[in-house]
Amino acid sequence: GTDYQSAFETGLHKAKAMGAVAACFGDIDITENRQWEEARCQAAGLV
């Protein structure tokens, strides 16, 4: 829980190394969640 952000970004970096150029999310309309996910994707270099 304390390292949730870095753990997720680590996972996204691994996905990028496997060939992913984007990350998909099931969010509907909670803006704060989307902004957090967009920031994590930016850090990992994913769309």
All heavy atoms as atom14 arrays in JSON, in Angstrom:
{
  "sequence": "GTDYQSAFETGLHKAKAMGAVAACFGDIDITENRQWEEARCQAAGLV",
  "atom14_mask": [
    [1, 1, 1, 1, 0, 0, 0, 0, 0, 0, 0, 0, 0, 0],
    [1, 1, 1, 1, 1, 1, 1, 0, 0, 0, 0, 0, 0, 0],
    [1, 1, 1, 1, 1, 1, 1, 1, 0, 0, 0, 0, 0, 0],
    [1, 1, 1, 1, 1, 1, 1, 1, 1, 1, 1, 1, 0, 0],
    [1, 1, 1, 1, 1, 1, 1, 1, 1, 0, 0, 0, 0, 0],
    [1, 1, 1, 1, 1, 1, 0, 0, 0, 0, 0, 0, 0, 0],
    [1, 1, 1, 1, 1, 0, 0, 0, 0, 0, 0, 0, 0, 0],
    [1, 1, 1, 1, 1, 1, 1, 1, 1, 1, 1, 0, 0, 0],
    [1, 1, 1, 1, 1, 1, 1, 1, 1, 0, 0, 0, 0, 0],
    [1, 1, 1, 1, 1, 1, 1, 0, 0, 0, 0, 0, 0, 0],
    [1, 1, 1, 1, 0, 0, 0, 0, 0, 0, 0, 0, 0, 0],
    [1, 1, 1, 1, 1, 1, 1, 1, 0, 0, 0, 0, 0, 0],
    [1, 1, 1, 1, 1, 1, 1, 1, 1, 1, 0, 0, 0, 0],
    [1, 1, 1, 1, 1, 1, 1, 1, 1, 0, 0, 0, 0, 0],
    [1, 1, 1, 1, 1, 0, 0, 0, 0, 0, 0, 0, 0, 0],
    [1, 1, 1, 1, 1, 1, 1, 1, 1, 0, 0, 0, 0, 0],
    [1, 1, 1, 1, 1, 0, 0, 0, 0, 0, 0, 0, 0, 0],
    [1, 1, 1, 1, 1, 1, 1, 1, 0, 0, 0, 0, 0, 0],
    [1, 1, 1, 1, 0, 0, 0, 0, 0, 0, 0, 0, 0, 0],
    [1, 1, 1, 1, 1, 0, 0, 0, 0, 0, 0, 0, 0, 0],
    [1, 1, 1, 1, 1, 1, 1, 0, 0, 0, 0, 0, 0, 0],
    [1, 1, 1, 1, 1, 0, 0, 0, 0, 0, 0, 0, 0, 0],
    [1, 1, 1, 1, 1, 0, 0, 0, 0, 0, 0, 0, 0, 0],
    [1, 1, 1, 1, 1, 1, 0, 0, 0, 0, 0, 0, 0, 0],
    [1, 1, 1, 1, 1, 1, 1, 1, 1, 1, 1, 0, 0, 0],
    [1, 1, 1, 1, 0, 0, 0, 0, 0, 0, 0, 0, 0, 0],
    [1, 1, 1, 1, 1, 1, 1, 1, 0, 0, 0, 0, 0, 0],
    [1, 1, 1, 1, 1, 1, 1, 1, 0, 0, 0, 0, 0, 0],
    [1, 1, 1, 1, 1, 1, 1, 1, 0, 0, 0, 0, 0, 0],
    [1, 1, 1, 1, 1, 1, 1, 1, 0, 0, 0, 0, 0, 0],
    [1, 1, 1, 1, 1, 1, 1, 0, 0, 0, 0, 0, 0, 0],
    [1, 1, 1, 1, 1, 1, 1, 1, 1, 0, 0, 0, 0, 0],
    [1, 1, 1, 1, 1, 1, 1, 1, 0, 0, 0, 0, 0, 0],
    [1, 1, 1, 1, 1, 1, 1, 1, 1, 1, 1, 0, 0, 0],
    [1, 1, 1, 1, 1, 1, 1, 1, 1, 0, 0, 0, 0, 0],
    [1, 1, 1, 1, 1, 1, 1, 1, 1, 1, 1, 1, 1, 1],
    [1, 1, 1, 1, 1, 1, 1, 1, 1, 0, 0, 0, 0, 0],
    [1, 1, 1, 1, 1, 1, 1, 1, 1, 0, 0, 0, 0, 0],
    [1, 1, 1, 1, 1, 0, 0, 0, 0, 0, 0, 0, 0, 0],
    [1, 1, 1, 1, 1, 1, 1, 1, 1, 1, 1, 0, 0, 0],
    [1, 1, 1, 1, 1, 1, 0, 0, 0, 0, 0, 0, 0, 0],
    [1, 1, 1, 1, 1, 1, 1, 1, 1, 0, 0, 0, 0, 0],
    [1, 1, 1, 1, 1, 0, 0, 0, 0, 0, 0, 0, 0, 0],
    [1, 1, 1, 1, 1, 0, 0, 0, 0, 0, 0, 0, 0, 0],
    [1, 1, 1, 1, 0, 0, 0, 0, 0, 0, 0, 0, 0, 0],
    [1, 1, 1, 1, 1, 1, 1, 1, 0, 0, 0, 0, 0, 0],
    [1, 1, 1, 1, 1, 1, 1, 0, 0, 0, 0, 0, 0, 0]
  ],
  "atom14_positions": [
    [[0.81, -1.21, 0.0], [0.0, 0.0, 0.0], [0.84, 1.25, 0.0], [0.52, 2.22, -0.69], [0.0, 0.0, 0.0], [0.0, 0.0, 0.0], [0.0, 0.0, 0.0], [0.0, 0.0, 0.0], [0.0, 0.0, 0.0], [0.0, 0.0, 0.0], [0.0, 0.0, 0.0], [0.0, 0.0, 0.0], [0.0, 0.0, 0.0], [0.0, 0.0, 0.0]],
    [[1.92, 1.25, 0.75], [2.77, 2.44, 0.81], [3.56, 2.65, -0.49], [3.92, 3.78, -0.83], [3.75, 2.36, 1.98], [4.61, 1.23, 1.8], [3.01, 2.2, 3.31], [0.0, 0.0, 0.0], [0.0, 0.0, 0.0], [0.0, 0.0, 0.0], [0.0, 0.0, 0.0], [0.0, 0.0, 0.0], [0.0, 0.0, 0.0], [0.0, 0.0, 0.0]],
    [[3.82, 1.55, -1.2], [4.6, 1.62, -2.44], [3.73, 1.31, -3.66], [4.23, 0.85, -4.68], [5.78, 0.67, -2.37], [5.35, -0.79, -2.18], [4.16, -1.03, -1.84], [6.18, -1.69, -2.36], [0.0, 0.0, 0.0], [0.0, 0.0, 0.0], [0.0, 0.0, 0.0], [0.0, 0.0, 0.0], [0.0, 0.0, 0.0], [0.0, 0.0, 0.0]],
    [[2.44, 1.55, -3.54], [1.49, 1.18, -4.59], [1.88, 1.82, -5.93], [1.88, 1.16, -6.97], [0.08, 1.63, -4.19], [-1.03, 1.02, -5.0], [-1.7, -0.12, -4.57], [-1.45, 1.61, -6.2], [-2.74, -0.68, -5.31], [-2.49, 1.06, -6.94], [-3.12, -0.08, -6.49], [-4.15, -0.62, -7.23], [0.0, 0.0, 0.0], [0.0, 0.0, 0.0]],
    [[2.21, 3.09, -5.9], [2.55, 3.81, -7.13], [3.78, 3.22, -7.81], [3.76, 2.93, -9.01], [2.77, 5.28, -6.83], [3.21, 6.1, -8.05], [3.28, 7.58, -7.74], [2.37, 8.16, -7.16], [4.38, 8.23, -8.13], [0.0, 0.0, 0.0], [0.0, 0.0, 0.0], [0.0, 0.0, 0.0], [0.0, 0.0, 0.0], [0.0, 0.0, 0.0]],
    [[4.85, 3.04, -7.06], [6.08, 2.52, -7.66], [5.92, 1.08, -8.12], [6.48, 0.67, -9.15], [7.25, 2.64, -6.67], [7.0, 1.9, -5.5], [0.0, 0.0, 0.0], [0.0, 0.0, 0.0], [0.0, 0.0, 0.0], [0.0, 0.0, 0.0], [0.0, 0.0, 0.0], [0.0, 0.0, 0.0], [0.0, 0.0, 0.0], [0.0, 0.0, 0.0]],
    [[5.12, 0.28, -7.37], [4.89, -1.11, -7.75], [4.14, -1.18, -9.07], [4.45, -2.01, -9.94], [4.12, -1.84, -6.66], [0.0, 0.0, 0.0], [0.0, 0.0, 0.0], [0.0, 0.0, 0.0], [0.0, 0.0, 0.0], [0.0, 0.0, 0.0], [0.0, 0.0, 0.0], [0.0, 0.0, 0.0], [0.0, 0.0, 0.0], [0.0, 0.0, 0.0]],
    [[3.17, -0.31, -9.24], [2.4, -0.29, -10.49], [3.27, 0.16, -11.65], [3.23, -0.43, -12.74], [1.18, 0.61, -10.34], [0.25, 0.56, -11.51], [-0.38, -0.62, -11.86], [-0.02, 1.7, -12.27], [-1.25, -0.68, -12.95], [-0.89, 1.64, -13.35], [-1.51, 0.46, -13.7], [0.0, 0.0, 0.0], [0.0, 0.0, 0.0], [0.0, 0.0, 0.0]],
    [[4.07, 1.18, -11.43], [4.95, 1.65, -12.5], [5.96, 0.57, -12.9], [6.28, 0.41, -14.08], [5.68, 2.93, -12.06], [4.77, 4.15, -12.04], [5.52, 5.42, -11.68], [6.78, 5.39, -11.6], [4.85, 6.44, -11.46], [0.0, 0.0, 0.0], [0.0, 0.0, 0.0], [0.0, 0.0, 0.0], [0.0, 0.0, 0.0], [0.0, 0.0, 0.0]],
    [[6.44, -0.18, -11.91], [7.35, -1.3, -12.22], [6.67, -2.3, -13.13], [7.26, -2.79, -14.1], [7.81, -1.99, -10.92], [8.57, -1.06, -10.15], [8.66, -3.21, -11.22], [0.0, 0.0, 0.0], [0.0, 0.0, 0.0], [0.0, 0.0, 0.0], [0.0, 0.0, 0.0], [0.0, 0.0, 0.0], [0.0, 0.0, 0.0], [0.0, 0.0, 0.0]],
    [[5.39, -2.6, -12.83], [4.62, -3.51, -13.68], [4.46, -2.97, -15.09], [4.57, -3.73, -16.07], [0.0, 0.0, 0.0], [0.0, 0.0, 0.0], [0.0, 0.0, 0.0], [0.0, 0.0, 0.0], [0.0, 0.0, 0.0], [0.0, 0.0, 0.0], [0.0, 0.0, 0.0], [0.0, 0.0, 0.0], [0.0, 0.0, 0.0], [0.0, 0.0, 0.0]],
    [[4.2, -1.68, -15.22], [4.05, -1.08, -16.55], [5.36, -1.11, -17.33], [5.37, -1.34, -18.55], [3.55, 0.37, -16.42], [2.13, 0.56, -15.89], [1.77, 2.05, -15.88], [1.1, -0.21, -16.73], [0.0, 0.0, 0.0], [0.0, 0.0, 0.0], [0.0, 0.0, 0.0], [0.0, 0.0, 0.0], [0.0, 0.0, 0.0], [0.0, 0.0, 0.0]],
    [[6.47, -0.89, -16.64], [7.78, -0.98, -17.32], [8.02, -2.4, -17.84], [8.56, -2.59, -18.94], [8.9, -0.55, -16.37], [9.05, 0.94, -16.24], [9.53, 1.73, -17.26], [8.78, 1.77, -15.19], [9.57, 2.99, -16.87], [9.12, 3.05, -15.61], [0.0, 0.0, 0.0], [0.0, 0.0, 0.0], [0.0, 0.0, 0.0], [0.0, 0.0, 0.0]],
    [[7.65, -3.38, -17.05], [7.79, -4.77, -17.5], [6.93, -5.04, -18.73], [7.35, -5.73, -19.66], [7.41, -5.73, -16.36], [8.4, -5.77, -15.22], [7.94, -6.73, -14.12], [8.93, -6.78, -12.97], [8.45, -7.69, -11.88], [0.0, 0.0, 0.0], [0.0, 0.0, 0.0], [0.0, 0.0, 0.0], [0.0, 0.0, 0.0], [0.0, 0.0, 0.0]],
    [[5.71, -4.48, -18.71], [4.81, -4.66, -19.86], [5.41, -4.01, -21.11], [5.33, -4.56, -22.22], [3.44, -4.05, -19.55], [0.0, 0.0, 0.0], [0.0, 0.0, 0.0], [0.0, 0.0, 0.0], [0.0, 0.0, 0.0], [0.0, 0.0, 0.0], [0.0, 0.0, 0.0], [0.0, 0.0, 0.0], [0.0, 0.0, 0.0], [0.0, 0.0, 0.0]],
    [[6.01, -2.85, -20.93], [6.65, -2.17, -22.07], [7.79, -3.01, -22.63], [7.96, -3.12, -23.85], [7.15, -0.8, -21.65], [7.71, 0.02, -22.81], [8.12, 1.41, -22.36], [8.65, 2.22, -23.54], [9.07, 3.59, -23.13], [0.0, 0.0, 0.0], [0.0, 0.0, 0.0], [0.0, 0.0, 0.0], [0.0, 0.0, 0.0], [0.0, 0.0, 0.0]],
    [[8.54, -3.64, -21.74], [9.65, -4.49, -22.17], [9.14, -5.7, -22.95], [9.88, -6.28, -23.76], [10.47, -4.95, -20.97], [0.0, 0.0, 0.0], [0.0, 0.0, 0.0], [0.0, 0.0, 0.0], [0.0, 0.0, 0.0], [0.0, 0.0, 0.0], [0.0, 0.0, 0.0], [0.0, 0.0, 0.0], [0.0, 0.0, 0.0], [0.0, 0.0, 0.0]],
    [[7.88, -6.08, -22.73], [7.27, -7.2, -23.45], [6.67, -6.77, -24.78], [6.14, -7.59, -25.51], [6.19, -7.84, -22.58], [6.73, -8.52, -21.33], [5.42, -9.07, -20.19], [4.6, -10.33, -21.2], [0.0, 0.0, 0.0], [0.0, 0.0, 0.0], [0.0, 0.0, 0.0], [0.0, 0.0, 0.0], [0.0, 0.0, 0.0], [0.0, 0.0, 0.0]],
    [[6.73, -5.47, -25.07], [6.26, -4.98, -26.36], [5.04, -4.09, -26.32], [4.6, -3.58, -27.36], [0.0, 0.0, 0.0], [0.0, 0.0, 0.0], [0.0, 0.0, 0.0], [0.0, 0.0, 0.0], [0.0, 0.0, 0.0], [0.0, 0.0, 0.0], [0.0, 0.0, 0.0], [0.0, 0.0, 0.0], [0.0, 0.0, 0.0], [0.0, 0.0, 0.0]],
    [[4.49, -3.83, -25.14], [3.33, -2.96, -25.04], [3.7, -1.52, -25.34], [4.76, -1.04, -24.92], [2.71, -3.05, -23.65], [0.0, 0.0, 0.0], [0.0, 0.0, 0.0], [0.0, 0.0, 0.0], [0.0, 0.0, 0.0], [0.0, 0.0, 0.0], [0.0, 0.0, 0.0], [0.0, 0.0, 0.0], [0.0, 0.0, 0.0], [0.0, 0.0, 0.0]],
    [[2.83, -0.84, -26.08], [3.02, 0.59, -26.33], [1.92, 1.4, -25.64], [1.95, 2.63, -25.63], [3.04, 0.92, -27.84], [4.21, 0.24, -28.52], [1.73, 0.52, -28.51], [0.0, 0.0, 0.0], [0.0, 0.0, 0.0], [0.0, 0.0, 0.0], [0.0, 0.0, 0.0], [0.0, 0.0, 0.0], [0.0, 0.0, 0.0], [0.0, 0.0, 0.0]],
    [[0.93, 0.69, -25.09], [-0.18, 1.35, -24.43], [-0.61, 0.53, -23.22], [-0.25, -0.65, -23.09], [-1.36, 1.52, -25.38], [0.0, 0.0, 0.0], [0.0, 0.0, 0.0], [0.0, 0.0, 0.0], [0.0, 0.0, 0.0], [0.0, 0.0, 0.0], [0.0, 0.0, 0.0], [0.0, 0.0, 0.0], [0.0, 0.0, 0.0], [0.0, 0.0, 0.0]],
    [[-1.37, 1.16, -22.32], [-1.97, 0.47, -21.18], [-3.44, 0.82, -21.15], [-3.82, 1.98, -21.34], [-1.29, 0.86, -19.87], [0.0, 0.0, 0.0], [0.0, 0.0, 0.0], [0.0, 0.0, 0.0], [0.0, 0.0, 0.0], [0.0, 0.0, 0.0], [0.0, 0.0, 0.0], [0.0, 0.0, 0.0], [0.0, 0.0, 0.0], [0.0, 0.0, 0.0]],
    [[-4.27, -0.19, -20.91], [-5.72, 0.0, -20.95], [-6.3, -0.1, -19.54], [-5.86, -0.92, -18.73], [-6.34, -1.07, -21.85], [-8.15, -1.0, -21.94], [0.0, 0.0, 0.0], [0.0, 0.0, 0.0], [0.0, 0.0, 0.0], [0.0, 0.0, 0.0], [0.0, 0.0, 0.0], [0.0, 0.0, 0.0], [0.0, 0.0, 0.0], [0.0, 0.0, 0.0]],
    [[-7.33, 0.72, -19.29], [-7.97, 0.77, -17.98], [-9.49, 0.72, -18.14], [-10.03, 1.18, -19.14], [-7.57, 2.05, -17.24], [-6.09, 2.21, -17.08], [-5.33, 2.86, -18.05], [-5.43, 1.7, -15.97], [-3.96, 3.01, -17.92], [-4.06, 1.84, -15.83], [-3.32, 2.49, -16.8], [0.0, 0.0, 0.0], [0.0, 0.0, 0.0], [0.0, 0.0, 0.0]],
    [[-10.17, 0.19, -17.12], [-11.62, 0.05, -17.18], [-12.39, 1.16, -16.51], [-13.58, 1.01, -16.23], [0.0, 0.0, 0.0], [0.0, 0.0, 0.0], [0.0, 0.0, 0.0], [0.0, 0.0, 0.0], [0.0, 0.0, 0.0], [0.0, 0.0, 0.0], [0.0, 0.0, 0.0], [0.0, 0.0, 0.0], [0.0, 0.0, 0.0], [0.0, 0.0, 0.0]],
    [[-11.75, 2.3, -16.26], [-12.42, 3.41, -15.59], [-13.57, 3.98, -16.42], [-13.51, 4.0, -17.66], [-11.42, 4.52, -15.3], [-10.35, 4.08, -14.33], [-9.37, 3.45, -14.78], [-10.49, 4.35, -13.13], [0.0, 0.0, 0.0], [0.0, 0.0, 0.0], [0.0, 0.0, 0.0], [0.0, 0.0, 0.0], [0.0, 0.0, 0.0], [0.0, 0.0, 0.0]],
    [[-14.57, 4.48, -15.71], [-15.74, 5.04, -16.39], [-15.78, 6.56, -16.28], [-15.91, 7.24, -17.29], [-17.04, 4.42, -15.83], [-17.05, 2.91, -16.12], [-18.28, 5.09, -16.43], [-18.21, 2.18, -15.51], [0.0, 0.0, 0.0], [0.0, 0.0, 0.0], [0.0, 0.0, 0.0], [0.0, 0.0, 0.0], [0.0, 0.0, 0.0], [0.0, 0.0, 0.0]],
    [[-15.68, 7.1, -15.06], [-15.76, 8.57, -14.99], [-15.18, 9.21, -13.73], [-15.5, 10.36, -13.44], [-17.2, 9.04, -15.19], [-18.12, 8.59, -14.06], [-17.63, 7.95, -13.12], [-19.33, 8.86, -14.13], [0.0, 0.0, 0.0], [0.0, 0.0, 0.0], [0.0, 0.0, 0.0], [0.0, 0.0, 0.0], [0.0, 0.0, 0.0], [0.0, 0.0, 0.0]],
    [[-14.37, 8.49, -12.97], [-13.75, 9.12, -11.8], [-12.44, 9.77, -12.25], [-11.44, 9.1, -12.53], [-13.51, 8.09, -10.68], [-14.85, 7.49, -10.23], [-12.79, 8.76, -9.51], [-14.73, 6.46, -9.14], [0.0, 0.0, 0.0], [0.0, 0.0, 0.0], [0.0, 0.0, 0.0], [0.0, 0.0, 0.0], [0.0, 0.0, 0.0], [0.0, 0.0, 0.0]],
    [[-12.49, 11.09, -12.36], [-11.4, 11.85, -12.96], [-10.08, 11.66, -12.22], [-9.01, 11.53, -12.85], [-11.75, 13.35, -13.01], [-12.97, 13.52, -13.75], [-10.65, 14.15, -13.69], [0.0, 0.0, 0.0], [0.0, 0.0, 0.0], [0.0, 0.0, 0.0], [0.0, 0.0, 0.0], [0.0, 0.0, 0.0], [0.0, 0.0, 0.0], [0.0, 0.0, 0.0]],
    [[-10.12, 11.62, -10.87], [-8.9, 11.48, -10.09], [-8.18, 10.17, -10.41], [-6.95, 10.13, -10.51], [-9.21, 11.55, -8.59], [-9.7, 12.91, -8.12], [-11.18, 13.13, -8.4], [-11.84, 12.19, -8.9], [-11.67, 14.24, -8.13], [0.0, 0.0, 0.0], [0.0, 0.0, 0.0], [0.0, 0.0, 0.0], [0.0, 0.0, 0.0], [0.0, 0.0, 0.0]],
    [[-8.95, 9.09, -10.58], [-8.35, 7.8, -10.93], [-7.68, 7.87, -12.29], [-6.56, 7.38, -12.48], [-9.41, 6.7, -10.93], [-9.88, 6.35, -9.53], [-9.38, 6.88, -8.55], [-10.86, 5.47, -9.44], [0.0, 0.0, 0.0], [0.0, 0.0, 0.0], [0.0, 0.0, 0.0], [0.0, 0.0, 0.0], [0.0, 0.0, 0.0], [0.0, 0.0, 0.0]],
    [[-8.39, 8.46, -13.25], [-7.83, 8.55, -14.6], [-6.55, 9.38, -14.61], [-5.56, 8.99, -15.25], [-8.85, 9.17, -15.56], [-8.27, 9.4, -16.95], [-9.3, 9.74, -17.98], [-8.65, 10.01, -19.26], [-9.23, 9.89, -20.44], [-10.5, 9.5, -20.52], [-8.58, 10.15, -21.55], [0.0, 0.0, 0.0], [0.0, 0.0, 0.0], [0.0, 0.0, 0.0]],
    [[-6.52, 10.48, -13.89], [-5.33, 11.32, -13.86], [-4.15, 10.56, -13.25], [-3.01, 10.69, -13.73], [-5.63, 12.59, -13.06], [-6.58, 13.53, -13.79], [-6.98, 14.73, -12.94], [-6.91, 14.7, -11.7], [-7.41, 15.8, -13.58], [0.0, 0.0, 0.0], [0.0, 0.0, 0.0], [0.0, 0.0, 0.0], [0.0, 0.0, 0.0], [0.0, 0.0, 0.0]],
    [[-4.42, 9.77, -12.2], [-3.36, 8.98, -11.57], [-2.81, 7.97, -12.57], [-1.58, 7.8, -12.7], [-3.92, 8.27, -10.33], [-2.9, 7.56, -9.52], [-2.16, 8.05, -8.48], [-2.48, 6.18, -9.68], [-1.31, 7.08, -7.98], [-1.49, 5.93, -8.68], [-2.85, 5.16, -10.53], [-0.88, 4.68, -8.55], [-2.23, 3.91, -10.39], [-1.27, 3.69, -9.41]],
    [[-3.69, 7.3, -13.29], [-3.26, 6.28, -14.26], [-2.52, 6.91, -15.43], [-1.52, 6.35, -15.92], [-4.48, 5.49, -14.73], [-5.03, 4.58, -13.64], [-6.51, 4.28, -13.8], [-7.18, 4.89, -14.65], [-7.02, 3.42, -13.05], [0.0, 0.0, 0.0], [0.0, 0.0, 0.0], [0.0, 0.0, 0.0], [0.0, 0.0, 0.0], [0.0, 0.0, 0.0]],
    [[-2.97, 8.06, -15.87], [-2.26, 8.76, -16.95], [-0.85, 9.15, -16.52], [0.1, 9.04, -17.31], [-3.05, 10.01, -17.36], [-4.33, 9.69, -18.13], [-5.17, 10.92, -18.42], [-5.06, 11.91, -17.67], [-5.95, 10.89, -19.39], [0.0, 0.0, 0.0], [0.0, 0.0, 0.0], [0.0, 0.0, 0.0], [0.0, 0.0, 0.0], [0.0, 0.0, 0.0]],
    [[-0.7, 9.57, -15.26], [0.62, 9.92, -14.76], [1.53, 8.7, -14.69], [2.73, 8.78, -15.02], [0.5, 10.57, -13.38], [0.0, 0.0, 0.0], [0.0, 0.0, 0.0], [0.0, 0.0, 0.0], [0.0, 0.0, 0.0], [0.0, 0.0, 0.0], [0.0, 0.0, 0.0], [0.0, 0.0, 0.0], [0.0, 0.0, 0.0], [0.0, 0.0, 0.0]],
    [[0.99, 7.56, -14.31], [1.8, 6.33, -14.24], [2.21, 5.91, -15.66], [3.33, 5.45, -15.87], [1.0, 5.19, -13.58], [0.44, 5.5, -12.2], [1.48, 5.61, -11.12], [2.29, 6.82, -11.16], [1.85, 8.04, -10.8], [0.6, 8.23, -10.41], [2.67, 9.09, -10.84], [0.0, 0.0, 0.0], [0.0, 0.0, 0.0], [0.0, 0.0, 0.0]],
    [[1.31, 6.04, -16.61], [1.64, 5.7, -18.0], [2.71, 6.63, -18.55], [3.62, 6.19, -19.26], [0.38, 5.76, -18.88], [-0.74, 4.37, -18.65], [0.0, 0.0, 0.0], [0.0, 0.0, 0.0], [0.0, 0.0, 0.0], [0.0, 0.0, 0.0], [0.0, 0.0, 0.0], [0.0, 0.0, 0.0], [0.0, 0.0, 0.0], [0.0, 0.0, 0.0]],
    [[2.6, 7.9, -18.21], [3.61, 8.85, -18.67], [4.98, 8.48, -18.12], [5.98, 8.53, -18.84], [3.23, 10.27, -18.23], [4.21, 11.34, -18.73], [3.76, 12.74, -18.36], [2.85, 12.94, -17.56], [4.4, 13.74, -18.95], [0.0, 0.0, 0.0], [0.0, 0.0, 0.0], [0.0, 0.0, 0.0], [0.0, 0.0, 0.0], [0.0, 0.0, 0.0]],
    [[5.02, 8.08, -16.86], [6.29, 7.68, -16.24], [6.88, 6.45, -16.9], [8.1, 6.29, -16.97], [6.09, 7.43, -14.74], [0.0, 0.0, 0.0], [0.0, 0.0, 0.0], [0.0, 0.0, 0.0], [0.0, 0.0, 0.0], [0.0, 0.0, 0.0], [0.0, 0.0, 0.0], [0.0, 0.0, 0.0], [0.0, 0.0, 0.0], [0.0, 0.0, 0.0]],
    [[6.0, 5.56, -17.4], [6.46, 4.32, -18.02], [6.61, 4.43, -19.53], [7.07, 3.5, -20.18], [5.49, 3.18, -17.69], [0.0, 0.0, 0.0], [0.0, 0.0, 0.0], [0.0, 0.0, 0.0], [0.0, 0.0, 0.0], [0.0, 0.0, 0.0], [0.0, 0.0, 0.0], [0.0, 0.0, 0.0], [0.0, 0.0, 0.0], [0.0, 0.0, 0.0]],
    [[6.21, 5.57, -20.1], [6.31, 5.75, -21.54], [5.27, 4.98, -22.33], [5.54, 4.51, -23.44], [0.0, 0.0, 0.0], [0.0, 0.0, 0.0], [0.0, 0.0, 0.0], [0.0, 0.0, 0.0], [0.0, 0.0, 0.0], [0.0, 0.0, 0.0], [0.0, 0.0, 0.0], [0.0, 0.0, 0.0], [0.0, 0.0, 0.0], [0.0, 0.0, 0.0]],
    [[4.06, 4.86, -21.76], [2.97, 4.14, -22.42], [1.8, 5.08, -22.69], [1.58, 6.06, -21.96], [2.49, 2.97, -21.56], [3.48, 1.84, -21.31], [2.9, 0.85, -20.29], [3.84, 1.13, -22.61], [0.0, 0.0, 0.0], [0.0, 0.0, 0.0], [0.0, 0.0, 0.0], [0.0, 0.0, 0.0], [0.0, 0.0, 0.0], [0.0, 0.0, 0.0]],
    [[1.02, 4.77, -23.72], [-0.17, 5.54, -24.05], [-1.34, 5.01, -23.22], [-1.62, 3.81, -23.26], [-0.51, 5.42, -25.55], [-1.8, 6.17, -25.87], [0.64, 5.93, -26.41], [0.0, 0.0, 0.0], [0.0, 0.0, 0.0], [0.0, 0.0, 0.0], [0.0, 0.0, 0.0], [0.0, 0.0, 0.0], [0.0, 0.0, 0.0], [0.0, 0.0, 0.0]]
  ]
}
